Amino acid sequence: MKTKNEVVDRLNVPVCICDSTLGSGEQTPGAVFSDIEKYRIAKLLDEAGVPQIEAGNPALGEAEKASVRHIARMGLSASVMSSNRADIADINASLECDVDSVSIGLPVSDIQMSNLLGKDREWVLNKIYESVFYAAEHGLYIGFVAEDASRADLGFLIDVAKVAKEAGADRFAYCDSVGVEDPFTCNERVRMLKQISGIDIEIIARNDFGMATANTLAALKAGARFARVTTMGLGLRAGNAPLEEAVLSARHLLGVDTGIDSTKLPALAASVSRASGVAIWPSKPVLGSNCFAQETGIINNPSVTEPYDPSEVGLARSIVIGKHAVRNTVVAALAEIGIEVDRNDADRLLVAVRSASAQMHRSLTPDELFLLYSDMVSGDNTYCDEPAGPTGPAGPAE
């Protein structure tokens, strides 16, 4: 178990990522992690350099408490945090798990205070102070989570941040619990909150309108220093901001390195995918098999058409042979299986490729491409009876 000073040192980076795959991520409908899977995921997160791992909620019961305790005792470089309601009993359960940090959450919007808690603003402020102060007395690093902050009155939200800070909170999480925030409003509110309260700000963004990553970046640009995310964006409803998207977009769009080894992310995601039953779909940003697939042309300078090099995430470029293929993709695909063709043969084969792909409603495998090549060489022109049309874009892609 780390001391509070050790936790503060571990989290002392320009943009600090807290991964909640084992907490919020397990709220994905149908997802349940076994203990062994949790420990494996925690180890992979740590190996990737994630500074803080939210390991679960000990108040859920003895089984959850045991798994959180085990992760806290694994000797990870990462800080290990537990999630809690603003309740002394929850915090006591966390204290039994040897975590070095606690996340304490409570609704702060009028609609949730009234309908979920049946309480008023004064009660909420008192409860925040009581729970945060209690955790601080026990030497824990504390992140207070303002649940439904995006729908809260900004003046009251500032009061909440001030009370949490006064009670001993180390950071304040602006949580878009219902996923209704937009990046422009998020940026304005986080900027104001940071300027007036003076406390470190964390962003927790939900993806109900597909804005989770955008809101995370907007908050970071407004001065937030922490982002709570999940691997592959797992979470209840539409999920959370994905770890991999936050890391790569912070690096390339904000110019800030989170210190996380992005080459480790595919193995982490594969493990999380197996454990959760959530597939990595082909067009999944950062991780999907289509991210670096080329069909319409192979060029000498990939930076012309790619946002970053695939080696950053441990992936490689692939060639897709389908209806939209051009001459140089056919030539490159054949070269990968040891076959060289001249320009004329490539154009003839391109006709066959496009025709076969259209009839099968998909791209071709290397074996199928080889069969088409063999048919062409043997004089079978089944698929080569019409012009191929344009053989490729003008310029270097030829």
Protein backbone atom coordinates (compact mmCIF):
# COMPACT_ATOMS: atom_id res chain seq x y z
CA MET A 1 0.00 0.00 0.00
CA LYS A 2 1.40 3.35 -1.05
CA THR A 3 1.52 6.36 1.22
CA LYS A 4 -0.40 9.43 0.14
CA ASN A 5 2.83 11.18 -0.84
CA GLU A 6 3.80 8.20 -2.99
CA VAL A 7 0.41 8.32 -4.69
CA VAL A 8 0.74 12.05 -5.37
CA ASP A 9 4.19 11.44 -6.87
CA ARG A 10 2.88 8.59 -9.06
CA LEU A 11 0.07 10.78 -10.37
CA ASN A 12 2.30 13.78 -11.00
CA VAL A 13 2.09 13.83 -14.80
CA PRO A 14 0.66 16.53 -17.11
CA VAL A 15 -2.35 14.38 -17.99
CA CYS A 16 -3.08 11.56 -15.58
CA ILE A 17 -5.17 8.58 -16.67
CA CYS A 18 -7.25 6.62 -14.17
CA ASP A 19 -8.59 3.41 -15.68
CA SER A 20 -11.93 2.14 -14.38
CA THR A 21 -12.31 -0.99 -16.50
CA LEU A 22 -12.57 -3.10 -13.34
CA GLY A 23 -15.11 -0.70 -11.84
CA SER A 24 -17.28 1.20 -14.28
CA GLY A 25 -16.26 -1.11 -17.13
CA GLU A 26 -17.80 -4.15 -15.46
CA GLN A 27 -21.15 -2.33 -15.55
CA THR A 28 -21.29 -3.13 -19.27
CA PRO A 29 -24.55 -5.07 -19.76
CA GLY A 30 -23.74 -8.77 -19.62
CA ALA A 31 -20.10 -8.34 -18.58
CA VAL A 32 -18.82 -10.13 -15.48
CA PHE A 33 -15.10 -10.55 -14.79
CA SER A 34 -13.75 -13.52 -12.88
CA ASP A 35 -11.16 -12.79 -10.19
CA ILE A 36 -8.37 -14.20 -12.36
CA GLU A 37 -9.47 -11.98 -15.25
CA LYS A 38 -9.48 -8.93 -12.96
CA TYR A 39 -5.94 -9.65 -11.78
CA ARG A 40 -4.76 -10.20 -15.35
CA ILE A 41 -6.32 -6.92 -16.51
CA ALA A 42 -4.83 -5.05 -13.55
CA LYS A 43 -1.39 -6.44 -14.40
CA LEU A 44 -1.71 -5.45 -18.06
CA LEU A 45 -2.86 -1.94 -17.12
CA ASP A 46 0.15 -1.61 -14.85
CA GLU A 47 2.54 -2.90 -17.50
CA ALA A 48 1.15 -0.30 -19.91
CA GLY A 49 2.03 2.42 -17.41
CA VAL A 50 -1.48 3.44 -16.31
CA PRO A 51 -0.88 5.59 -13.19
CA GLN A 52 -4.07 4.69 -11.32
CA ILE A 53 -6.45 1.73 -11.45
CA GLU A 54 -9.96 1.85 -10.04
CA ALA A 55 -10.30 -1.74 -8.86
CA GLY A 56 -13.94 -1.95 -7.78
CA ASN A 57 -16.42 -1.19 -5.00
CA PRO A 58 -15.73 -3.11 -1.76
CA ALA A 59 -19.21 -2.28 -0.44
CA LEU A 60 -20.72 -4.67 -3.00
CA GLY A 61 -19.84 -7.63 -0.79
CA GLU A 62 -17.12 -9.94 0.43
CA ALA A 63 -16.23 -11.29 -3.02
CA GLU A 64 -15.68 -7.80 -4.42
CA LYS A 65 -13.80 -6.80 -1.29
CA ALA A 66 -11.48 -9.80 -1.66
CA SER A 67 -10.66 -9.02 -5.30
CA VAL A 68 -10.00 -5.33 -4.58
CA ARG A 69 -7.77 -6.31 -1.66
CA HIS A 70 -5.85 -8.77 -3.85
CA ILE A 71 -5.21 -6.12 -6.51
CA ALA A 72 -4.10 -3.63 -3.84
CA ARG A 73 -1.57 -6.21 -2.62
CA MET A 74 -0.18 -7.17 -6.04
CA GLY A 75 2.70 -4.72 -5.69
CA LEU A 76 1.73 -2.73 -8.75
CA SER A 77 3.45 0.48 -9.73
CA ALA A 78 -0.01 1.99 -10.24
CA SER A 79 -2.03 3.55 -7.47
CA VAL A 80 -5.04 1.36 -6.58
CA MET A 81 -8.32 3.18 -6.00
CA SER A 82 -11.70 1.91 -4.81
CA SER A 83 -15.10 3.41 -5.62
CA ASN A 84 -17.42 4.47 -2.80
CA ARG A 85 -20.64 6.24 -2.06
CA ALA A 86 -20.37 9.23 0.27
CA ASP A 87 -20.91 6.90 3.19
CA ILE A 88 -18.69 6.06 6.17
CA ALA A 89 -19.54 2.35 5.89
CA ASP A 90 -18.31 2.28 2.28
CA ILE A 91 -15.07 3.98 3.23
CA ASN A 92 -14.53 1.53 6.09
CA ALA A 93 -14.95 -1.33 3.62
CA SER A 94 -12.27 0.26 1.44
CA LEU A 95 -9.95 0.69 4.41
CA GLU A 96 -10.12 -3.07 4.92
CA CYS A 97 -8.80 -3.58 1.38
CA ASP A 98 -5.48 -1.71 1.73
CA VAL A 99 -6.21 0.62 -1.20
CA ASP A 100 -4.19 3.82 -1.23
CA SER A 101 -6.94 5.94 -2.82
CA VAL A 102 -10.70 6.29 -2.70
CA SER A 103 -13.20 7.71 -5.13
CA ILE A 104 -16.21 9.12 -3.28
CA GLY A 105 -19.31 9.94 -5.32
CA LEU A 106 -22.62 11.69 -4.73
CA PRO A 107 -25.24 13.24 -7.07
CA VAL A 108 -25.06 17.03 -7.28
CA SER A 109 -27.78 17.90 -9.81
CA ASP A 110 -31.17 18.96 -8.49
CA ILE A 111 -32.94 16.26 -10.50
CA GLN A 112 -30.80 13.46 -9.04
CA MET A 113 -30.60 14.87 -5.52
CA SER A 114 -34.39 15.02 -5.43
CA ASN A 115 -35.26 11.78 -7.24
CA LEU A 116 -32.39 9.48 -6.23
CA LEU A 117 -31.57 10.78 -2.76
CA GLY A 118 -34.71 12.62 -1.69
CA LYS A 119 -32.42 15.24 -0.18
CA ASP A 120 -31.65 18.94 -0.62
CA ARG A 121 -28.44 20.80 -1.39
CA GLU A 122 -27.53 21.45 2.23
CA TRP A 123 -27.76 17.74 3.09
CA VAL A 124 -25.53 16.89 0.11
CA LEU A 125 -22.87 19.44 1.09
CA ASN A 126 -22.82 18.11 4.66
CA LYS A 127 -22.57 14.52 3.45
CA ILE A 128 -19.69 15.39 1.14
CA TYR A 129 -17.77 17.10 3.91
CA GLU A 130 -18.38 14.27 6.38
CA SER A 131 -17.30 11.45 4.06
CA VAL A 132 -14.32 13.22 2.49
CA PHE A 133 -13.05 14.43 5.86
CA TYR A 134 -13.32 10.89 7.26
CA ALA A 135 -11.27 9.46 4.39
CA ALA A 136 -8.70 12.24 4.73
CA GLU A 137 -8.31 11.47 8.44
CA HIS A 138 -7.23 7.96 7.45
CA GLY A 139 -4.49 9.24 5.15
CA LEU A 140 -6.11 8.25 1.88
CA TYR A 141 -5.72 10.02 -1.45
CA ILE A 142 -9.23 11.23 -2.34
CA GLY A 143 -11.02 11.92 -5.58
CA PHE A 144 -14.51 13.30 -5.11
CA VAL A 145 -16.91 12.52 -7.97
CA ALA A 146 -19.65 15.07 -8.60
CA GLU A 147 -22.22 12.77 -10.17
CA ASP A 148 -24.40 14.33 -12.89
CA ALA A 149 -22.23 17.45 -12.77
CA SER A 150 -23.15 18.32 -16.35
CA ARG A 151 -26.77 18.93 -15.29
CA ALA A 152 -25.93 20.63 -11.99
CA ASP A 153 -26.29 24.34 -11.35
CA LEU A 154 -22.81 25.78 -11.94
CA GLY A 155 -22.90 27.96 -8.83
CA PHE A 156 -23.79 24.98 -6.65
CA LEU A 157 -21.18 22.85 -8.41
CA ILE A 158 -18.53 25.39 -7.46
CA ASP A 159 -19.76 25.25 -3.85
CA VAL A 160 -19.47 21.46 -3.96
CA ALA A 161 -15.89 21.68 -5.24
CA LYS A 162 -14.95 24.14 -2.51
CA VAL A 163 -16.47 21.96 0.22
CA ALA A 164 -14.75 18.83 -1.11
CA LYS A 165 -11.42 20.65 -1.24
CA GLU A 166 -11.86 22.05 2.27
CA ALA A 167 -12.67 18.58 3.61
CA GLY A 168 -9.47 17.16 2.12
CA ALA A 169 -10.22 16.00 -1.42
CA ASP A 170 -7.19 15.94 -3.72
CA ARG A 171 -9.17 16.20 -6.94
CA PHE A 172 -12.70 16.88 -8.11
CA ALA A 173 -14.32 14.81 -10.86
CA TYR A 174 -16.72 16.50 -13.23
CA CYS A 175 -18.90 13.51 -14.13
CA ASP A 176 -21.23 13.62 -17.13
CA SER A 177 -23.22 10.72 -15.68
CA VAL A 178 -26.02 10.75 -18.25
CA GLY A 179 -23.81 11.56 -21.24
CA VAL A 180 -25.63 14.75 -22.22
CA GLU A 181 -22.68 17.17 -22.25
CA ASP A 182 -21.24 18.70 -25.41
CA PRO A 183 -17.54 19.62 -25.77
CA PHE A 184 -18.14 23.37 -25.96
CA THR A 185 -20.20 23.53 -22.76
CA CYS A 186 -17.88 21.07 -21.04
CA ASN A 187 -14.87 23.24 -21.81
CA GLU A 188 -16.55 26.38 -20.47
CA ARG A 189 -17.83 24.79 -17.27
CA VAL A 190 -14.60 22.96 -16.45
CA ARG A 191 -12.57 26.11 -17.10
CA MET A 192 -14.78 28.13 -14.74
CA LEU A 193 -14.76 25.38 -12.11
CA LYS A 194 -10.97 25.14 -12.21
CA GLN A 195 -10.42 28.90 -12.03
CA ILE A 196 -12.75 29.52 -9.10
CA SER A 197 -12.27 26.40 -6.97
CA GLY A 198 -8.52 25.94 -7.47
CA ILE A 199 -8.77 22.15 -7.09
CA ASP A 200 -7.39 19.62 -9.58
CA ILE A 201 -10.15 18.62 -12.00
CA GLU A 202 -10.89 15.18 -13.40
CA ILE A 203 -13.24 14.45 -16.29
CA ILE A 204 -15.50 11.39 -16.39
CA ALA A 205 -17.36 11.33 -19.71
CA ARG A 206 -20.13 9.00 -20.84
CA ASN A 207 -20.69 8.15 -24.48
CA ASP A 208 -24.48 8.29 -24.92
CA PHE A 209 -24.19 10.81 -27.76
CA GLY A 210 -20.76 9.65 -28.93
CA MET A 211 -19.09 12.60 -27.20
CA ALA A 212 -17.04 10.86 -24.50
CA THR A 213 -13.61 11.27 -26.08
CA ALA A 214 -14.42 14.77 -27.35
CA ASN A 215 -15.63 15.86 -23.91
CA THR A 216 -12.53 14.35 -22.32
CA LEU A 217 -10.29 16.38 -24.63
CA ALA A 218 -12.39 19.51 -24.11
CA ALA A 219 -12.01 19.20 -20.34
CA LEU A 220 -8.27 18.59 -20.57
CA LYS A 221 -7.90 21.62 -22.81
CA ALA A 222 -9.83 23.65 -20.22
CA GLY A 223 -7.36 22.75 -17.48
CA ALA A 224 -8.46 19.36 -16.18
CA ARG A 225 -5.45 17.18 -15.35
CA PHE A 226 -7.14 13.82 -14.79
CA ALA A 227 -9.27 11.65 -17.07
CA ARG A 228 -11.10 8.55 -15.91
CA VAL A 229 -11.58 6.09 -18.75
CA THR A 230 -12.14 2.41 -19.49
CA THR A 231 -10.43 0.06 -21.91
CA MET A 232 -12.46 -0.08 -25.14
CA GLY A 233 -14.89 2.40 -23.57
CA LEU A 234 -16.70 -0.29 -21.58
CA GLY A 235 -19.43 0.82 -19.20
CA LEU A 236 -23.14 1.05 -18.60
CA ARG A 237 -25.39 2.11 -21.49
CA ALA A 238 -23.15 3.44 -24.30
CA GLY A 239 -20.02 3.27 -22.18
CA ASN A 240 -17.23 5.67 -21.21
CA ALA A 241 -14.34 7.46 -22.86
CA PRO A 242 -12.00 4.71 -24.15
CA LEU A 243 -8.51 4.53 -22.66
CA GLU A 244 -6.87 4.00 -26.03
CA GLU A 245 -8.63 6.99 -27.62
CA ALA A 246 -7.77 9.27 -24.71
CA VAL A 247 -4.09 8.30 -24.85
CA LEU A 248 -3.66 8.70 -28.62
CA SER A 249 -5.77 11.84 -28.97
CA ALA A 250 -4.03 13.52 -26.04
CA ARG A 251 -0.69 12.75 -27.68
CA HIS A 252 -1.55 13.84 -31.21
CA LEU A 253 -4.29 16.43 -30.81
CA LEU A 254 -3.21 18.10 -27.57
CA GLY A 255 0.52 17.39 -27.79
CA VAL A 256 0.56 15.82 -24.32
CA ASP A 257 2.09 12.43 -23.56
CA THR A 258 0.25 10.56 -20.80
CA GLY A 259 3.26 8.34 -20.17
CA ILE A 260 1.28 5.25 -21.17
CA ASP A 261 2.96 2.75 -23.50
CA SER A 262 0.44 2.63 -26.34
CA THR A 263 2.08 -0.45 -27.89
CA LYS A 264 0.70 -2.41 -24.92
CA LEU A 265 -2.90 -1.39 -25.61
CA PRO A 266 -3.85 -4.09 -28.18
CA ALA A 267 -2.89 -6.92 -25.80
CA LEU A 268 -4.77 -5.20 -22.98
CA ALA A 269 -7.85 -4.73 -25.17
CA ALA A 270 -7.72 -8.34 -26.33
CA SER A 271 -7.73 -9.52 -22.72
CA VAL A 272 -10.60 -7.19 -21.81
CA SER A 273 -12.52 -8.28 -24.90
CA ARG A 274 -12.24 -11.95 -23.96
CA ALA A 275 -13.23 -11.29 -20.36
CA SER A 276 -16.18 -9.03 -21.16
CA GLY A 277 -17.47 -10.73 -24.29
CA VAL A 278 -17.36 -7.37 -26.10
CA ALA A 279 -15.72 -7.71 -29.51
CA ILE A 280 -13.22 -5.23 -30.94
CA TRP A 281 -15.12 -4.25 -34.06
CA PRO A 282 -13.10 -3.66 -37.26
CA SER A 283 -13.61 0.11 -37.33
CA LYS A 284 -12.96 0.62 -33.60
CA PRO A 285 -10.72 3.72 -33.36
CA VAL A 286 -7.10 2.91 -32.48
CA LEU A 287 -7.66 -0.85 -32.07
CA GLY A 288 -9.75 -2.01 -35.04
CA SER A 289 -8.38 -4.09 -37.89
CA ASN A 290 -9.55 -1.47 -40.40
CA CYS A 291 -7.57 1.38 -38.84
CA PHE A 292 -4.55 0.82 -41.06
CA ALA A 293 -6.10 -1.18 -43.90
CA GLN A 294 -5.38 0.16 -47.40
CA GLU A 295 -7.56 -0.64 -50.42
CA THR A 296 -7.54 2.36 -52.72
CA GLY A 297 -3.79 2.85 -53.00
CA ILE A 298 -0.39 2.23 -51.45
CA ILE A 299 1.73 5.38 -51.27
CA ASN A 300 5.36 5.98 -50.37
CA ASN A 301 4.57 8.42 -47.56
CA PRO A 302 1.81 6.95 -45.32
CA SER A 303 1.56 10.16 -43.28
CA VAL A 304 -0.32 11.63 -46.24
CA THR A 305 -3.33 9.44 -45.44
CA GLU A 306 -2.77 8.25 -41.84
CA PRO A 307 -3.10 10.21 -38.57
CA TYR A 308 -0.20 8.35 -36.91
CA ASP A 309 2.05 5.36 -37.52
CA PRO A 310 0.51 1.96 -36.67
CA SER A 311 3.67 1.02 -34.77
CA GLU A 312 2.52 3.42 -32.02
CA VAL A 313 -0.16 0.92 -31.09
CA GLY A 314 1.72 -2.23 -32.01
CA LEU A 315 -0.23 -2.73 -35.24
CA ALA A 316 0.78 -3.04 -38.90
CA ARG A 317 -0.66 -1.88 -42.19
CA SER A 318 -2.68 -4.36 -44.22
CA ILE A 319 -3.73 -4.51 -47.85
CA VAL A 320 -7.41 -4.99 -48.71
CA ILE A 321 -8.21 -6.49 -52.10
CA GLY A 322 -11.78 -5.70 -53.03
CA LYS A 323 -14.13 -3.76 -55.28
CA HIS A 324 -12.27 -0.48 -54.71
CA ALA A 325 -8.78 -1.91 -55.26
CA VAL A 326 -6.40 -0.20 -57.67
CA ARG A 327 -3.45 -1.52 -59.64
CA ASN A 328 -0.78 -0.87 -57.03
CA THR A 329 -2.72 -2.59 -54.23
CA VAL A 330 -3.01 -5.68 -56.42
CA VAL A 331 0.71 -5.53 -57.21
CA ALA A 332 1.57 -5.09 -53.52
CA ALA A 333 -0.75 -7.92 -52.41
CA LEU A 334 0.77 -10.31 -54.95
CA ALA A 335 4.27 -9.29 -53.87
CA GLU A 336 3.39 -10.32 -50.31
CA ILE A 337 2.82 -13.88 -51.54
CA GLY A 338 5.94 -13.86 -53.72
CA ILE A 339 4.44 -13.08 -57.13
CA GLU A 340 5.59 -10.28 -59.44
CA VAL A 341 3.37 -9.02 -62.26
CA ASP A 342 3.80 -6.38 -64.92
CA ARG A 343 1.45 -3.47 -65.48
CA ASN A 344 -0.67 -5.21 -68.12
CA ASP A 345 -1.20 -8.36 -66.05
CA ALA A 346 -2.00 -6.26 -63.00
CA ASP A 347 -4.69 -4.42 -64.96
CA ARG A 348 -6.19 -7.71 -66.20
CA LEU A 349 -6.18 -9.14 -62.71
CA LEU A 350 -7.74 -5.97 -61.34
CA VAL A 351 -10.81 -6.63 -63.51
CA ALA A 352 -11.10 -10.11 -62.00
CA VAL A 353 -10.62 -8.82 -58.46
CA ARG A 354 -13.34 -6.18 -58.76
CA SER A 355 -15.78 -8.56 -60.41
CA ALA A 356 -15.24 -11.37 -57.89
CA SER A 357 -15.43 -8.99 -54.94
CA ALA A 358 -18.72 -7.50 -56.16
CA GLN A 359 -20.25 -10.96 -56.65
CA MET A 360 -19.13 -12.18 -53.20
CA HIS A 361 -20.02 -8.90 -51.40
CA ARG A 362 -16.67 -8.80 -49.64
CA SER A 363 -12.94 -8.38 -50.12
CA LEU A 364 -10.75 -11.28 -51.21
CA THR A 365 -8.38 -13.38 -49.14
CA PRO A 366 -4.75 -13.89 -50.26
CA ASP A 367 -5.65 -17.45 -51.29
CA GLU A 368 -8.53 -16.20 -53.43
CA LEU A 369 -6.29 -13.61 -55.05
CA PHE A 370 -3.81 -16.37 -55.86
CA LEU A 371 -6.57 -18.46 -57.44
CA LEU A 372 -7.63 -15.53 -59.64
CA TYR A 373 -4.00 -15.02 -60.65
CA SER A 374 -3.66 -18.73 -61.46
CA ASP A 375 -6.84 -18.62 -63.57
CA MET A 376 -5.54 -15.60 -65.45
CA VAL A 377 -2.20 -17.27 -66.16
CA SER A 378 -3.94 -20.46 -67.34
CA GLY A 379 -6.19 -18.50 -69.69
CA ASP A 380 -9.43 -18.72 -67.70
CA ASN A 381 -10.97 -15.27 -68.21
CA THR A 382 -14.19 -15.85 -66.25
CA TYR A 383 -13.78 -12.63 -64.30
CA CYS A 384 -11.73 -10.72 -66.87
CA ASP A 385 -14.34 -9.97 -69.52
CA GLU A 386 -14.95 -6.28 -68.86
CA PRO A 387 -12.83 -3.14 -68.48
CA ALA A 388 -11.56 -2.51 -64.97
CA GLY A 389 -12.17 1.23 -65.15
CA PRO A 390 -9.64 3.54 -63.47
CA THR A 391 -6.63 1.58 -62.29
CA GLY A 392 -5.77 3.93 -59.47
CA PRO A 393 -5.59 7.54 -58.34
CA ALA A 394 -3.24 9.96 -59.99
CA GLY A 395 0.06 10.73 -58.36
CA PRO A 396 2.25 8.63 -56.07
CA ALA A 397 -0.46 6.00 -55.39
CA GLU A 398 0.11 4.62 -58.91
